[in-house]
Amino acid sequence: MEKQILEILAENGRMSAEEIAVMLGASKTEIAEKIAELEKHKVIFGYKALIDWEQVDKENVSSLIELKVTPQMGEGFDQIANRIITEYPEVNSVSLISGGYDILVELEGKSMKEVALFVARKIAPMDCVLSTATHFVLKSYKKDGVVLANKPEDERRVISL
């Protein structure tokens, strides 16, 4: 039942314990207690609204910054990731990745220049960083399984005879 609760909340974090109970054929109390337990054990970290900021004219720039790093002896990549997480609260996420780079940093800024300065002044000078590659998100179509972009309208003209 735990996995089912998590799947339901992942799809819709606003679903109430009562609604989940009806879906799973359980009591509201049982579901509420299970959710509280999952929150206590940090299986559920929080609830967040997924917002298409382009719809509300928020002028932010989203970026993906790839880092090629030298892992620290005995610490691996964890020490580098933890340093970025703790020193730079403006960073949205940090992930260890495979491929040509080692760490992916997701960051939003007010402009491309602000992001570029963040990379140049804060990330690139770190001793362990060998190189960086910064990518700017031009448009998001889907995020966390939710389609963000409006479906393009059919621009064909109706012709009647």
N, C-alpha and C. Protein backbone atom coordinates (compact mmCIF):
# COMPACT_ATOMS: atom_id res chain seq x y z
N MET A 1 0.82 -1.19 0.00
CA MET A 1 0.00 0.00 0.00
C MET A 1 0.87 1.26 0.00
N GLU A 2 2.05 1.18 0.64
CA GLU A 2 2.95 2.33 0.71
C GLU A 2 3.32 2.83 -0.68
N LYS A 3 3.68 1.91 -1.56
CA LYS A 3 4.07 2.28 -2.92
C LYS A 3 2.91 2.93 -3.66
N GLN A 4 1.70 2.42 -3.45
CA GLN A 4 0.52 2.98 -4.10
C GLN A 4 0.27 4.41 -3.63
N ILE A 5 0.43 4.65 -2.34
CA ILE A 5 0.26 6.00 -1.79
C ILE A 5 1.28 6.94 -2.43
N LEU A 6 2.52 6.50 -2.50
CA LEU A 6 3.57 7.33 -3.08
C LEU A 6 3.29 7.64 -4.55
N GLU A 7 2.84 6.65 -5.29
CA GLU A 7 2.52 6.86 -6.71
C GLU A 7 1.39 7.86 -6.87
N ILE A 8 0.38 7.77 -6.03
CA ILE A 8 -0.75 8.70 -6.09
C ILE A 8 -0.29 10.12 -5.77
N LEU A 9 0.50 10.27 -4.70
CA LEU A 9 0.98 11.60 -4.31
C LEU A 9 1.97 12.17 -5.33
N ALA A 10 2.74 11.31 -5.97
CA ALA A 10 3.67 11.79 -7.00
C ALA A 10 2.91 12.36 -8.19
N GLU A 11 1.76 11.79 -8.45
CA GLU A 11 0.92 12.27 -9.56
C GLU A 11 0.16 13.53 -9.16
N ASN A 12 -0.31 13.59 -7.91
CA ASN A 12 -1.09 14.73 -7.44
C ASN A 12 -0.86 14.92 -5.94
N GLY A 13 0.08 15.78 -5.60
CA GLY A 13 0.44 16.02 -4.21
C GLY A 13 -0.65 16.68 -3.38
N ARG A 14 -1.70 17.16 -4.03
CA ARG A 14 -2.80 17.81 -3.30
C ARG A 14 -3.91 16.83 -2.92
N MET A 15 -3.76 15.58 -3.32
CA MET A 15 -4.79 14.59 -3.01
C MET A 15 -4.85 14.39 -1.49
N SER A 16 -6.05 14.41 -0.96
CA SER A 16 -6.22 14.28 0.49
C SER A 16 -6.13 12.81 0.92
N ALA A 17 -5.88 12.62 2.20
CA ALA A 17 -5.83 11.26 2.75
C ALA A 17 -7.17 10.57 2.55
N GLU A 18 -8.25 11.33 2.64
CA GLU A 18 -9.58 10.76 2.44
C GLU A 18 -9.77 10.26 1.01
N GLU A 19 -9.33 11.04 0.04
CA GLU A 19 -9.45 10.64 -1.36
C GLU A 19 -8.59 9.40 -1.65
N ILE A 20 -7.39 9.39 -1.09
CA ILE A 20 -6.49 8.24 -1.29
C ILE A 20 -7.10 6.99 -0.65
N ALA A 21 -7.69 7.16 0.53
CA ALA A 21 -8.33 6.04 1.23
C ALA A 21 -9.43 5.43 0.38
N VAL A 22 -10.23 6.25 -0.26
CA VAL A 22 -11.31 5.75 -1.12
C VAL A 22 -10.71 4.98 -2.29
N MET A 23 -9.65 5.52 -2.88
CA MET A 23 -9.01 4.87 -4.03
C MET A 23 -8.43 3.50 -3.67
N LEU A 24 -7.89 3.40 -2.45
CA LEU A 24 -7.20 2.17 -2.05
C LEU A 24 -8.05 1.25 -1.17
N GLY A 25 -9.27 1.67 -0.87
CA GLY A 25 -10.13 0.85 -0.03
C GLY A 25 -9.61 0.71 1.39
N ALA A 26 -9.09 1.81 1.92
CA ALA A 26 -8.53 1.82 3.29
C ALA A 26 -9.21 2.93 4.07
N SER A 27 -8.90 3.01 5.37
CA SER A 27 -9.48 4.08 6.19
C SER A 27 -8.64 5.35 6.04
N LYS A 28 -9.30 6.49 6.23
CA LYS A 28 -8.63 7.79 6.17
C LYS A 28 -7.52 7.86 7.21
N THR A 29 -7.78 7.34 8.41
CA THR A 29 -6.80 7.36 9.49
C THR A 29 -5.56 6.55 9.12
N GLU A 30 -5.78 5.38 8.54
CA GLU A 30 -4.67 4.52 8.14
C GLU A 30 -3.78 5.22 7.11
N ILE A 31 -4.40 5.86 6.14
CA ILE A 31 -3.65 6.56 5.09
C ILE A 31 -2.91 7.76 5.69
N ALA A 32 -3.58 8.54 6.51
CA ALA A 32 -2.96 9.72 7.13
C ALA A 32 -1.75 9.32 7.97
N GLU A 33 -1.87 8.22 8.73
CA GLU A 33 -0.76 7.75 9.55
C GLU A 33 0.41 7.30 8.68
N LYS A 34 0.10 6.62 7.58
CA LYS A 34 1.15 6.14 6.68
C LYS A 34 1.88 7.31 6.03
N ILE A 35 1.12 8.33 5.63
CA ILE A 35 1.74 9.52 5.03
C ILE A 35 2.62 10.23 6.05
N ALA A 36 2.15 10.37 7.27
CA ALA A 36 2.94 11.00 8.34
C ALA A 36 4.24 10.24 8.59
N GLU A 37 4.16 8.92 8.56
CA GLU A 37 5.35 8.08 8.74
C GLU A 37 6.33 8.28 7.59
N LEU A 38 5.83 8.34 6.36
CA LEU A 38 6.68 8.56 5.19
C LEU A 38 7.35 9.93 5.25
N GLU A 39 6.63 10.93 5.74
CA GLU A 39 7.21 12.26 5.90
C GLU A 39 8.28 12.25 6.99
N LYS A 40 8.00 11.58 8.10
CA LYS A 40 8.94 11.51 9.22
C LYS A 40 10.25 10.86 8.82
N HIS A 41 10.17 9.80 7.99
CA HIS A 41 11.36 9.07 7.56
C HIS A 41 11.99 9.66 6.30
N LYS A 42 11.52 10.83 5.89
CA LYS A 42 12.06 11.55 4.73
C LYS A 42 11.96 10.77 3.42
N VAL A 43 10.96 9.90 3.34
CA VAL A 43 10.65 9.28 2.05
C VAL A 43 9.91 10.32 1.21
N ILE A 44 9.01 11.05 1.86
CA ILE A 44 8.37 12.22 1.25
C ILE A 44 9.08 13.44 1.82
N PHE A 45 9.75 14.20 0.94
CA PHE A 45 10.52 15.36 1.39
C PHE A 45 9.66 16.62 1.48
N GLY A 46 8.61 16.68 0.70
CA GLY A 46 7.78 17.88 0.69
C GLY A 46 6.82 17.83 -0.47
N TYR A 47 6.07 18.89 -0.61
CA TYR A 47 5.07 19.00 -1.67
C TYR A 47 5.32 20.34 -2.37
N LYS A 48 5.27 20.30 -3.69
CA LYS A 48 5.63 21.50 -4.43
C LYS A 48 4.71 21.65 -5.64
N ALA A 49 4.29 22.87 -5.90
CA ALA A 49 3.49 23.15 -7.09
C ALA A 49 4.42 23.25 -8.29
N LEU A 50 4.02 22.69 -9.40
CA LEU A 50 4.78 22.78 -10.64
C LEU A 50 4.15 23.90 -11.45
N ILE A 51 4.93 24.97 -11.67
CA ILE A 51 4.40 26.19 -12.25
C ILE A 51 5.09 26.49 -13.58
N ASP A 52 4.32 26.86 -14.57
CA ASP A 52 4.86 27.31 -15.84
C ASP A 52 5.06 28.82 -15.71
N TRP A 53 6.26 29.24 -15.33
CA TRP A 53 6.53 30.64 -15.04
C TRP A 53 6.39 31.53 -16.26
N GLU A 54 6.48 30.97 -17.45
CA GLU A 54 6.29 31.77 -18.66
C GLU A 54 4.87 32.35 -18.72
N GLN A 55 3.93 31.67 -18.07
CA GLN A 55 2.54 32.12 -18.08
C GLN A 55 2.32 33.34 -17.17
N VAL A 56 3.24 33.59 -16.25
CA VAL A 56 3.08 34.71 -15.31
C VAL A 56 4.18 35.75 -15.48
N ASP A 57 4.85 35.73 -16.62
CA ASP A 57 5.85 36.73 -16.97
C ASP A 57 7.01 36.84 -15.99
N LYS A 58 7.41 35.74 -15.39
CA LYS A 58 8.60 35.77 -14.53
C LYS A 58 9.81 35.60 -15.45
N GLU A 59 10.64 36.59 -15.49
CA GLU A 59 11.77 36.60 -16.40
C GLU A 59 13.00 35.95 -15.78
N ASN A 60 13.01 34.64 -15.71
CA ASN A 60 14.17 33.91 -15.21
C ASN A 60 14.77 33.08 -16.32
N VAL A 61 16.02 32.76 -16.15
CA VAL A 61 16.74 31.92 -17.08
C VAL A 61 17.09 30.63 -16.36
N SER A 62 16.69 29.50 -16.92
CA SER A 62 17.05 28.19 -16.35
C SER A 62 18.30 27.70 -17.06
N SER A 63 19.19 27.10 -16.28
CA SER A 63 20.43 26.61 -16.89
C SER A 63 20.80 25.25 -16.32
N LEU A 64 21.53 24.51 -17.13
CA LEU A 64 22.12 23.23 -16.74
C LEU A 64 23.63 23.40 -16.89
N ILE A 65 24.33 23.18 -15.81
CA ILE A 65 25.78 23.38 -15.82
C ILE A 65 26.45 22.03 -15.57
N GLU A 66 27.19 21.56 -16.55
CA GLU A 66 27.90 20.29 -16.42
C GLU A 66 29.30 20.58 -15.89
N LEU A 67 29.72 19.76 -14.93
CA LEU A 67 31.05 19.92 -14.35
C LEU A 67 31.87 18.66 -14.53
N LYS A 68 33.07 18.83 -15.02
CA LYS A 68 34.04 17.74 -15.02
C LYS A 68 34.95 18.02 -13.84
N VAL A 69 35.02 17.08 -12.91
CA VAL A 69 35.74 17.33 -11.66
C VAL A 69 36.73 16.22 -11.36
N THR A 70 37.66 16.54 -10.46
CA THR A 70 38.57 15.54 -9.92
C THR A 70 38.02 15.14 -8.56
N PRO A 71 37.59 13.89 -8.41
CA PRO A 71 37.03 13.48 -7.11
C PRO A 71 38.10 13.52 -6.03
N GLN A 72 37.69 13.86 -4.84
CA GLN A 72 38.61 13.95 -3.71
C GLN A 72 38.92 12.55 -3.19
N MET A 73 40.16 12.34 -2.79
CA MET A 73 40.61 11.04 -2.28
C MET A 73 39.76 10.63 -1.08
N GLY A 74 39.18 9.45 -1.14
CA GLY A 74 38.40 8.91 -0.04
C GLY A 74 37.00 9.50 0.09
N GLU A 75 36.70 10.56 -0.65
CA GLU A 75 35.40 11.23 -0.56
C GLU A 75 34.58 11.06 -1.84
N GLY A 76 35.26 10.80 -2.95
CA GLY A 76 34.57 10.68 -4.22
C GLY A 76 33.92 11.99 -4.62
N PHE A 77 32.79 11.88 -5.26
CA PHE A 77 32.08 13.05 -5.75
C PHE A 77 31.18 13.67 -4.69
N ASP A 78 30.89 12.93 -3.64
CA ASP A 78 29.96 13.41 -2.61
C ASP A 78 30.43 14.71 -1.97
N GLN A 79 31.70 14.82 -1.69
CA GLN A 79 32.23 16.02 -1.04
C GLN A 79 32.03 17.24 -1.94
N ILE A 80 32.26 17.09 -3.22
CA ILE A 80 32.10 18.20 -4.16
C ILE A 80 30.62 18.60 -4.24
N ALA A 81 29.74 17.61 -4.38
CA ALA A 81 28.30 17.89 -4.45
C ALA A 81 27.82 18.58 -3.17
N ASN A 82 28.25 18.07 -2.02
CA ASN A 82 27.84 18.67 -0.74
C ASN A 82 28.35 20.10 -0.60
N ARG A 83 29.53 20.35 -1.10
CA ARG A 83 30.08 21.72 -1.04
C ARG A 83 29.21 22.66 -1.87
N ILE A 84 28.84 22.26 -3.05
CA ILE A 84 28.00 23.10 -3.91
C ILE A 84 26.64 23.33 -3.26
N ILE A 85 26.07 22.26 -2.70
CA ILE A 85 24.75 22.35 -2.05
C ILE A 85 24.79 23.32 -0.86
N THR A 86 25.82 23.21 -0.03
CA THR A 86 25.86 24.03 1.19
C THR A 86 26.32 25.46 0.95
N GLU A 87 27.23 25.68 0.01
CA GLU A 87 27.77 27.02 -0.22
C GLU A 87 26.91 27.88 -1.13
N TYR A 88 26.08 27.24 -1.95
CA TYR A 88 25.33 28.00 -2.95
C TYR A 88 23.84 27.65 -2.90
N PRO A 89 23.10 28.28 -2.00
CA PRO A 89 21.67 27.97 -1.85
C PRO A 89 20.85 28.32 -3.09
N GLU A 90 21.39 29.13 -3.98
CA GLU A 90 20.68 29.47 -5.21
C GLU A 90 20.61 28.31 -6.21
N VAL A 91 21.40 27.28 -5.97
CA VAL A 91 21.39 26.10 -6.84
C VAL A 91 20.12 25.28 -6.58
N ASN A 92 19.42 24.91 -7.65
CA ASN A 92 18.17 24.14 -7.52
C ASN A 92 18.41 22.66 -7.29
N SER A 93 19.38 22.09 -8.01
CA SER A 93 19.66 20.67 -7.83
C SER A 93 21.08 20.35 -8.26
N VAL A 94 21.60 19.26 -7.69
CA VAL A 94 22.94 18.77 -8.00
C VAL A 94 22.83 17.26 -8.16
N SER A 95 23.35 16.74 -9.27
CA SER A 95 23.25 15.30 -9.55
C SER A 95 24.58 14.76 -10.06
N LEU A 96 24.90 13.53 -9.67
CA LEU A 96 26.04 12.81 -10.24
C LEU A 96 25.53 12.18 -11.53
N ILE A 97 26.25 12.38 -12.63
CA ILE A 97 25.79 11.88 -13.93
C ILE A 97 26.88 11.04 -14.59
N SER A 98 26.47 10.28 -15.59
CA SER A 98 27.43 9.51 -16.37
C SER A 98 27.70 10.26 -17.67
N GLY A 99 28.73 9.87 -18.38
CA GLY A 99 29.05 10.50 -19.66
C GLY A 99 30.31 11.33 -19.56
N GLY A 100 30.39 12.34 -20.38
CA GLY A 100 31.58 13.18 -20.46
C GLY A 100 31.80 14.09 -19.27
N TYR A 101 30.76 14.33 -18.50
CA TYR A 101 30.87 15.17 -17.31
C TYR A 101 30.46 14.36 -16.10
N ASP A 102 30.76 14.88 -14.92
CA ASP A 102 30.52 14.14 -13.69
C ASP A 102 29.33 14.64 -12.88
N ILE A 103 29.16 15.95 -12.81
CA ILE A 103 28.12 16.54 -11.97
C ILE A 103 27.28 17.50 -12.80
N LEU A 104 25.97 17.44 -12.58
CA LEU A 104 25.05 18.36 -13.25
C LEU A 104 24.44 19.28 -12.20
N VAL A 105 24.57 20.58 -12.42
CA VAL A 105 24.02 21.59 -11.51
C VAL A 105 22.90 22.31 -12.26
N GLU A 106 21.73 22.39 -11.62
CA GLU A 106 20.61 23.13 -12.21
C GLU A 106 20.46 24.42 -11.42
N LEU A 107 20.37 25.52 -12.17
CA LEU A 107 20.36 26.84 -11.56
C LEU A 107 19.44 27.76 -12.34
N GLU A 108 18.73 28.63 -11.62
CA GLU A 108 17.95 29.69 -12.27
C GLU A 108 18.58 31.02 -11.90
N GLY A 109 18.59 31.92 -12.87
CA GLY A 109 19.10 33.26 -12.63
C GLY A 109 18.20 34.28 -13.29
N LYS A 110 18.46 35.53 -13.01
CA LYS A 110 17.65 36.60 -13.60
C LYS A 110 18.02 36.85 -15.06
N SER A 111 19.25 36.46 -15.42
CA SER A 111 19.71 36.66 -16.80
C SER A 111 20.80 35.64 -17.12
N MET A 112 21.13 35.54 -18.41
CA MET A 112 22.22 34.67 -18.82
C MET A 112 23.54 35.15 -18.21
N LYS A 113 23.68 36.47 -18.13
CA LYS A 113 24.89 37.04 -17.56
C LYS A 113 25.05 36.65 -16.10
N GLU A 114 23.95 36.69 -15.34
CA GLU A 114 24.02 36.31 -13.93
C GLU A 114 24.47 34.85 -13.77
N VAL A 115 23.94 33.96 -14.61
CA VAL A 115 24.34 32.55 -14.56
C VAL A 115 25.80 32.42 -14.96
N ALA A 116 26.21 33.11 -16.02
CA ALA A 116 27.60 33.04 -16.48
C ALA A 116 28.56 33.52 -15.39
N LEU A 117 28.19 34.59 -14.70
CA LEU A 117 29.04 35.10 -13.62
C LEU A 117 29.09 34.13 -12.44
N PHE A 118 27.97 33.47 -12.16
CA PHE A 118 27.95 32.45 -11.10
C PHE A 118 28.97 31.35 -11.43
N VAL A 119 28.93 30.87 -12.67
CA VAL A 119 29.86 29.81 -13.09
C VAL A 119 31.29 30.32 -13.02
N ALA A 120 31.53 31.50 -13.57
CA ALA A 120 32.90 32.04 -13.65
C ALA A 120 33.49 32.39 -12.28
N ARG A 121 32.66 32.90 -11.37
CA ARG A 121 33.18 33.38 -10.09
C ARG A 121 33.09 32.36 -8.95
N LYS A 122 32.13 31.43 -9.05
CA LYS A 122 31.91 30.52 -7.92
C LYS A 122 32.24 29.06 -8.23
N ILE A 123 31.83 28.57 -9.37
CA ILE A 123 32.01 27.15 -9.68
C ILE A 123 33.37 26.86 -10.33
N ALA A 124 33.70 27.56 -11.41
CA ALA A 124 34.94 27.29 -12.14
C ALA A 124 36.19 27.43 -11.28
N PRO A 125 36.26 28.40 -10.34
CA PRO A 125 37.48 28.52 -9.53
C PRO A 125 37.69 27.41 -8.49
N MET A 126 36.71 26.56 -8.26
CA MET A 126 36.89 25.48 -7.27
C MET A 126 38.05 24.60 -7.72
N ASP A 127 38.92 24.23 -6.77
CA ASP A 127 40.12 23.44 -7.08
C ASP A 127 39.81 22.15 -7.84
N CYS A 128 38.72 21.52 -7.51
CA CYS A 128 38.41 20.22 -8.07
C CYS A 128 37.74 20.30 -9.45
N VAL A 129 37.32 21.47 -9.89
CA VAL A 129 36.62 21.62 -11.17
C VAL A 129 37.63 21.75 -12.30
N LEU A 130 37.56 20.79 -13.23
CA LEU A 130 38.47 20.79 -14.39
C LEU A 130 37.90 21.60 -15.54
N SER A 131 36.58 21.46 -15.77
CA SER A 131 35.93 22.21 -16.84
C SER A 131 34.43 22.26 -16.61
N THR A 132 33.79 23.19 -17.29
CA THR A 132 32.34 23.36 -17.19
C THR A 132 31.75 23.52 -18.58
N ALA A 133 30.47 23.21 -18.70
CA ALA A 133 29.70 23.49 -19.92
C ALA A 133 28.33 23.95 -19.45
N THR A 134 27.95 25.15 -19.85
CA THR A 134 26.69 25.73 -19.42
C THR A 134 25.70 25.70 -20.58
N HIS A 135 24.51 25.22 -20.28
CA HIS A 135 23.42 25.16 -21.27
C HIS A 135 22.25 25.96 -20.72
N PHE A 136 21.63 26.75 -21.57
CA PHE A 136 20.47 27.53 -21.16
C PHE A 136 19.21 26.89 -21.72
N VAL A 137 18.20 26.75 -20.88
CA VAL A 137 16.93 26.17 -21.30
C VAL A 137 16.17 27.27 -22.04
N LEU A 138 15.85 27.00 -23.29
CA LEU A 138 15.14 27.99 -24.09
C LEU A 138 13.63 27.89 -23.90
N LYS A 139 13.16 26.66 -23.75
CA LYS A 139 11.74 26.43 -23.52
C LYS A 139 11.56 25.06 -22.90
N SER A 140 10.70 24.97 -21.91
CA SER A 140 10.39 23.67 -21.29
C SER A 140 9.05 23.19 -21.82
N TYR A 141 9.02 21.96 -22.28
CA TYR A 141 7.78 21.38 -22.82
C TYR A 141 7.11 20.45 -21.82
N LYS A 142 7.94 19.78 -21.02
CA LYS A 142 7.43 18.81 -20.06
C LYS A 142 8.38 18.80 -18.88
N LYS A 143 7.82 18.80 -17.66
CA LYS A 143 8.66 18.78 -16.47
C LYS A 143 8.02 17.89 -15.43
N ASP A 144 8.81 16.99 -14.86
CA ASP A 144 8.32 16.05 -13.84
C ASP A 144 7.07 15.32 -14.31
N GLY A 145 7.04 14.95 -15.59
CA GLY A 145 5.93 14.18 -16.13
C GLY A 145 4.71 15.00 -16.51
N VAL A 146 4.78 16.32 -16.36
CA VAL A 146 3.64 17.18 -16.66
C VAL A 146 3.96 18.00 -17.91
N VAL A 147 3.06 17.96 -18.89
CA VAL A 147 3.22 18.74 -20.11
C VAL A 147 2.96 20.20 -19.79
N LEU A 148 3.94 21.07 -20.08
CA LEU A 148 3.82 22.49 -19.77
C LEU A 148 3.36 23.31 -20.97
N ALA A 149 3.89 22.98 -22.13
CA ALA A 149 3.60 23.79 -23.31
C ALA A 149 2.15 23.60 -23.75
N ASN A 150 1.54 24.71 -24.09
CA ASN A 150 0.19 24.63 -24.63
C ASN A 150 0.23 23.97 -25.98
N LYS A 151 -0.77 23.19 -26.26
CA LYS A 151 -0.87 22.52 -27.55
C LYS A 151 -1.04 23.58 -28.62
N PRO A 152 -0.21 23.56 -29.68
CA PRO A 152 -0.34 24.58 -30.71
C PRO A 152 -1.73 24.52 -31.36
N GLU A 153 -2.26 25.69 -31.58
CA GLU A 153 -3.58 25.73 -32.20
C GLU A 153 -3.47 25.37 -33.66
N ASP A 154 -4.51 24.75 -34.16
CA ASP A 154 -4.57 24.39 -35.57
C ASP A 154 -4.77 25.67 -36.37
N GLU A 155 -3.76 26.04 -37.17
CA GLU A 155 -3.83 27.29 -37.90
C GLU A 155 -4.39 27.13 -39.30
N ARG A 156 -4.90 25.94 -39.61
CA ARG A 156 -5.49 25.75 -40.94
C ARG A 156 -6.80 26.52 -41.01
N ARG A 157 -7.05 27.05 -42.15
CA ARG A 157 -8.27 27.80 -42.34
C ARG A 157 -9.39 26.88 -42.79
N VAL A 158 -10.57 27.20 -42.34
CA VAL A 158 -11.75 26.44 -42.76
C VAL A 158 -12.21 27.02 -44.10
N ILE A 159 -12.29 26.13 -45.04
CA ILE A 159 -12.75 26.56 -46.37
C ILE A 159 -14.04 25.83 -46.67
N SER A 160 -15.05 26.57 -46.99
CA SER A 160 -16.32 25.94 -47.35
C SER A 160 -16.72 26.36 -48.74
N LEU A 161 -17.34 25.47 -49.43
CA LEU A 161 -17.76 25.75 -50.81
C LEU A 161 -19.22 26.04 -50.90
